[in-house]
């Protein structure tokens, strides 16, 4: 983790403007063409949810703004970001699961399956809760949503991005995946979210090249 020099940071004025908002987060939702991802997991017998998370986490790590966090009024940049994601338990409650970033999709998927098994037995919301070098993910596989609003505390010190995947739907012969991205405006703008969506689509399209 490195702290940015705010005096020389080009987004200093933007950071100062938004950092004290009661609700400094903004959300963008758009469909992603998941057709290559859908075919890839079918051919290899992998989890669609975990491979979706892999592609997203790789894409986010490639965008520096998604690795920035507000830490006690300072801007910290992390080298690598991991994830926690909601998982559905057998009794239809949900809890959180930790996923460590990995550059190999097959290793990430194997480790991810083991993590799901482990955290289903714990059924806890207290998962890596002291860390900010994460992205918080949720999965809503029952709804092809077009917008999303998170529950959250009105605490402008929180700066972890939050992402959600929805239900696949078919459109013009393609498998489309609703995806919601919420980021802290003091640390990222619409430009950076747009770059993230481009990065995500590229990684989905190139899965067969891994």
Protein backbone atom coordinates (compact mmCIF):
# COMPACT_ATOMS: atom_id res chain seq x y z
CA UNK A 1 0.00 0.00 0.00
CA UNK A 2 1.26 3.45 -0.92
CA UNK A 3 -0.20 6.83 -0.02
CA UNK A 4 -0.64 9.32 -2.83
CA UNK A 5 0.82 12.79 -2.57
CA UNK A 6 -2.42 14.77 -2.52
CA UNK A 7 -0.69 18.04 -3.33
CA UNK A 8 0.48 16.72 -6.69
CA UNK A 9 -2.46 14.42 -7.42
CA UNK A 10 -4.43 15.64 -10.44
CA UNK A 11 -7.74 14.71 -8.77
CA UNK A 12 -7.02 16.50 -5.50
CA UNK A 13 -9.75 19.11 -6.01
CA UNK A 14 -12.30 16.42 -6.89
CA UNK A 15 -11.31 14.39 -3.84
CA UNK A 16 -11.64 17.39 -1.55
CA UNK A 17 -15.02 18.27 -3.04
CA UNK A 18 -16.66 14.85 -2.67
CA UNK A 19 -14.92 13.30 0.36
CA UNK A 20 -17.21 14.91 2.93
CA UNK A 21 -20.51 14.16 1.20
CA UNK A 22 -22.87 12.16 3.41
CA UNK A 23 -23.41 9.83 0.45
CA UNK A 24 -20.44 10.19 -1.91
CA UNK A 25 -21.15 7.04 -3.92
CA UNK A 26 -22.57 6.95 -7.44
CA UNK A 27 -23.91 3.92 -9.29
CA UNK A 28 -23.92 2.90 -12.94
CA UNK A 29 -25.72 -0.19 -14.24
CA UNK A 30 -25.31 -1.70 -17.70
CA UNK A 31 -25.59 -5.11 -19.40
CA UNK A 32 -22.41 -6.98 -20.28
CA UNK A 33 -22.24 -9.40 -23.20
CA UNK A 34 -21.56 -12.64 -21.32
CA UNK A 35 -21.98 -14.95 -24.33
CA UNK A 36 -18.27 -15.95 -24.43
CA UNK A 37 -18.25 -16.42 -20.64
CA UNK A 38 -21.38 -18.58 -20.76
CA UNK A 39 -19.85 -20.82 -23.43
CA UNK A 40 -16.50 -20.98 -21.63
CA UNK A 41 -17.91 -22.22 -18.31
CA UNK A 42 -20.14 -24.75 -20.10
CA UNK A 43 -17.21 -26.22 -22.01
CA UNK A 44 -15.01 -26.49 -18.92
CA UNK A 45 -17.61 -27.35 -16.30
CA UNK A 46 -16.91 -24.24 -14.24
CA UNK A 47 -19.05 -22.03 -12.01
CA UNK A 48 -20.58 -19.13 -13.97
CA UNK A 49 -20.74 -16.97 -10.84
CA UNK A 50 -17.12 -17.54 -9.84
CA UNK A 51 -15.74 -17.00 -13.34
CA UNK A 52 -17.82 -13.81 -13.62
CA UNK A 53 -16.20 -12.67 -10.39
CA UNK A 54 -12.76 -13.58 -11.76
CA UNK A 55 -13.26 -11.47 -14.89
CA UNK A 56 -14.58 -8.55 -12.86
CA UNK A 57 -11.77 -8.66 -10.32
CA UNK A 58 -9.14 -8.82 -13.05
CA UNK A 59 -10.77 -5.88 -14.82
CA UNK A 60 -11.00 -3.80 -11.64
CA UNK A 61 -7.39 -4.46 -10.70
CA UNK A 62 -6.33 -3.14 -14.10
CA UNK A 63 -7.91 0.27 -13.36
CA UNK A 64 -5.82 2.20 -10.78
CA UNK A 65 -8.81 4.15 -9.47
CA UNK A 66 -10.48 0.90 -8.38
CA UNK A 67 -7.48 0.19 -6.15
CA UNK A 68 -7.69 3.53 -4.32
CA UNK A 69 -9.18 3.82 -0.84
CA UNK A 70 -9.82 6.67 1.55
CA UNK A 71 -7.87 5.73 4.67
CA UNK A 72 -8.20 8.27 7.48
CA UNK A 73 -8.44 11.15 5.04
CA UNK A 74 -5.47 9.96 3.00
CA UNK A 75 -5.66 8.25 -0.39
CA UNK A 76 -4.05 4.82 -0.35
CA UNK A 77 -3.29 2.82 -3.49
CA UNK A 78 -3.15 -0.96 -3.12
CA UNK A 79 -1.17 -3.19 -5.43
CA UNK A 80 -3.86 -5.88 -5.53
CA UNK A 81 -7.53 -5.98 -4.59
CA UNK A 82 -9.39 -9.11 -3.43
CA UNK A 83 -13.14 -9.67 -3.05
CA UNK A 84 -15.92 -10.67 -0.74
CA UNK A 85 -19.23 -11.80 -2.22
CA UNK A 86 -22.64 -12.81 -0.95
CA UNK A 87 -23.43 -16.53 -1.02
CA UNK A 88 -26.82 -18.19 -0.61
CA UNK A 89 -26.98 -20.64 2.28
CA UNK A 90 -29.01 -23.85 2.33
CA UNK A 91 -31.67 -22.27 4.56
CA UNK A 92 -32.15 -19.38 2.07
CA UNK A 93 -30.28 -16.86 4.21
CA UNK A 94 -27.13 -15.29 2.85
CA UNK A 95 -23.69 -14.56 4.22
CA UNK A 96 -20.30 -13.39 2.94
CA UNK A 97 -17.47 -15.33 1.31
CA UNK A 98 -13.85 -14.25 0.74
CA UNK A 99 -12.17 -14.73 -2.65
CA UNK A 100 -8.45 -14.11 -3.06
CA UNK A 101 -7.37 -12.65 -6.38
CA UNK A 102 -5.50 -14.99 -8.70
CA UNK A 103 -4.33 -14.48 -12.28
CA UNK A 104 -5.29 -17.99 -13.44
CA UNK A 105 -9.01 -18.51 -14.04
CA UNK A 106 -8.93 -22.25 -13.33
CA UNK A 107 -7.01 -21.80 -10.07
CA UNK A 108 -9.34 -18.96 -9.05
CA UNK A 109 -12.39 -21.10 -9.77
CA UNK A 110 -11.04 -24.09 -7.82
CA UNK A 111 -10.12 -21.93 -4.85
CA UNK A 112 -13.45 -20.15 -5.12
CA UNK A 113 -15.41 -23.40 -4.83
CA UNK A 114 -13.44 -24.29 -1.71
CA UNK A 115 -14.07 -20.84 -0.26
CA UNK A 116 -17.81 -21.19 -0.79
CA UNK A 117 -17.81 -24.53 1.03
CA UNK A 118 -15.78 -23.06 3.90
CA UNK A 119 -17.81 -19.90 4.39
CA UNK A 120 -21.16 -21.64 4.06
CA UNK A 121 -20.31 -23.42 7.30
CA UNK A 122 -19.45 -20.12 9.00
CA UNK A 123 -22.53 -18.15 7.85
CA UNK A 124 -20.93 -14.87 8.88
CA UNK A 125 -21.05 -11.22 7.84
CA UNK A 126 -17.75 -10.65 9.64
CA UNK A 127 -15.51 -11.70 6.74
CA UNK A 128 -12.25 -9.75 6.29
CA UNK A 129 -14.26 -6.86 7.73
CA UNK A 130 -11.20 -4.87 8.86
CA UNK A 131 -9.79 -4.71 5.34
CA UNK A 132 -10.46 -2.07 2.69
CA UNK A 133 -8.35 -3.66 -0.07
CA UNK A 134 -11.49 -5.42 -1.29
CA UNK A 135 -14.46 -5.02 -3.59
CA UNK A 136 -17.84 -5.98 -2.15
CA UNK A 137 -19.84 -8.15 -4.55
CA UNK A 138 -23.41 -9.41 -4.53
CA UNK A 139 -25.29 -11.74 -6.86
CA UNK A 140 -29.01 -11.37 -7.60
CA UNK A 141 -29.54 -14.25 -10.08
CA UNK A 142 -33.34 -14.02 -9.98
CA UNK A 143 -33.73 -10.55 -11.55
CA UNK A 144 -32.44 -8.98 -14.76
CA UNK A 145 -32.33 -5.59 -13.08
CA UNK A 146 -31.73 -2.26 -14.81
CA UNK A 147 -30.74 -0.34 -11.68
CA UNK A 148 -29.63 -1.12 -8.15
CA UNK A 149 -29.39 0.57 -4.77
CA UNK A 150 -27.28 -0.81 -1.96
CA UNK A 151 -28.06 -0.78 1.71
CA UNK A 152 -25.34 1.12 3.51
CA UNK A 153 -24.35 3.21 6.48
CA UNK A 154 -24.10 6.94 5.91
CA UNK A 155 -20.39 6.96 6.59
CA UNK A 156 -18.35 8.88 4.04
CA UNK A 157 -15.18 7.21 5.31
CA UNK A 158 -16.26 4.02 3.57
CA UNK A 159 -14.74 3.90 0.11
CA UNK A 160 -14.86 0.25 -0.98
CA UNK A 161 -16.53 -0.22 -4.42
CA UNK A 162 -19.65 -2.38 -4.51
CA UNK A 163 -20.68 -4.47 -7.50
CA UNK A 164 -23.66 -6.68 -8.30
CA UNK A 165 -24.39 -9.27 -10.99
CA UNK A 166 -27.97 -10.03 -12.00
CA UNK A 167 -29.87 -12.66 -13.98
CA UNK A 168 -28.73 -13.58 -17.47
CA UNK A 169 -31.15 -12.67 -20.25
CA UNK A 170 -31.12 -13.26 -24.00
CA UNK A 171 -31.09 -10.33 -26.39
CA UNK A 172 -30.63 -10.67 -30.15
CA UNK A 173 -29.10 -14.10 -29.73
CA UNK A 174 -26.59 -12.93 -27.08
CA UNK A 175 -26.45 -13.76 -23.37
CA UNK A 176 -26.50 -10.47 -21.49
CA UNK A 177 -25.55 -10.03 -17.83
CA UNK A 178 -26.83 -7.05 -15.79
CA UNK A 179 -24.00 -5.48 -13.82
CA UNK A 180 -24.13 -2.70 -11.25
CA UNK A 181 -21.00 -0.76 -10.23
CA UNK A 182 -20.94 1.66 -7.30
CA UNK A 183 -17.85 3.73 -6.50
CA UNK A 184 -16.84 6.60 -4.24
CA UNK A 185 -16.87 9.80 -6.30
CA UNK A 186 -13.91 11.26 -4.41
CA UNK A 187 -11.79 8.41 -5.84
CA UNK A 188 -13.30 7.64 -9.25
CA UNK A 189 -15.43 9.22 -11.96
CA UNK A 190 -17.70 7.98 -14.73
CA UNK A 191 -14.65 7.85 -17.00
CA UNK A 192 -13.05 5.22 -14.79
CA UNK A 193 -16.23 3.16 -14.51
CA UNK A 194 -16.47 3.25 -18.30
CA UNK A 195 -12.90 1.97 -18.53
CA UNK A 196 -13.78 -0.78 -16.08
CA UNK A 197 -16.71 -1.95 -18.23
CA UNK A 198 -14.46 -1.95 -21.30
CA UNK A 199 -11.81 -3.90 -19.39
CA UNK A 200 -14.41 -6.40 -18.18
CA UNK A 201 -15.77 -6.99 -21.67
CA UNK A 202 -12.26 -7.51 -23.02
CA UNK A 203 -11.49 -10.14 -20.39
CA UNK A 204 -14.74 -11.96 -21.07
CA UNK A 205 -14.06 -11.93 -24.81
CA UNK A 206 -10.53 -13.28 -24.29
CA UNK A 207 -11.33 -16.11 -21.87
CA UNK A 208 -10.56 -18.79 -24.44
CA UNK A 209 -7.08 -17.30 -24.91
CA UNK A 210 -6.11 -17.88 -21.26
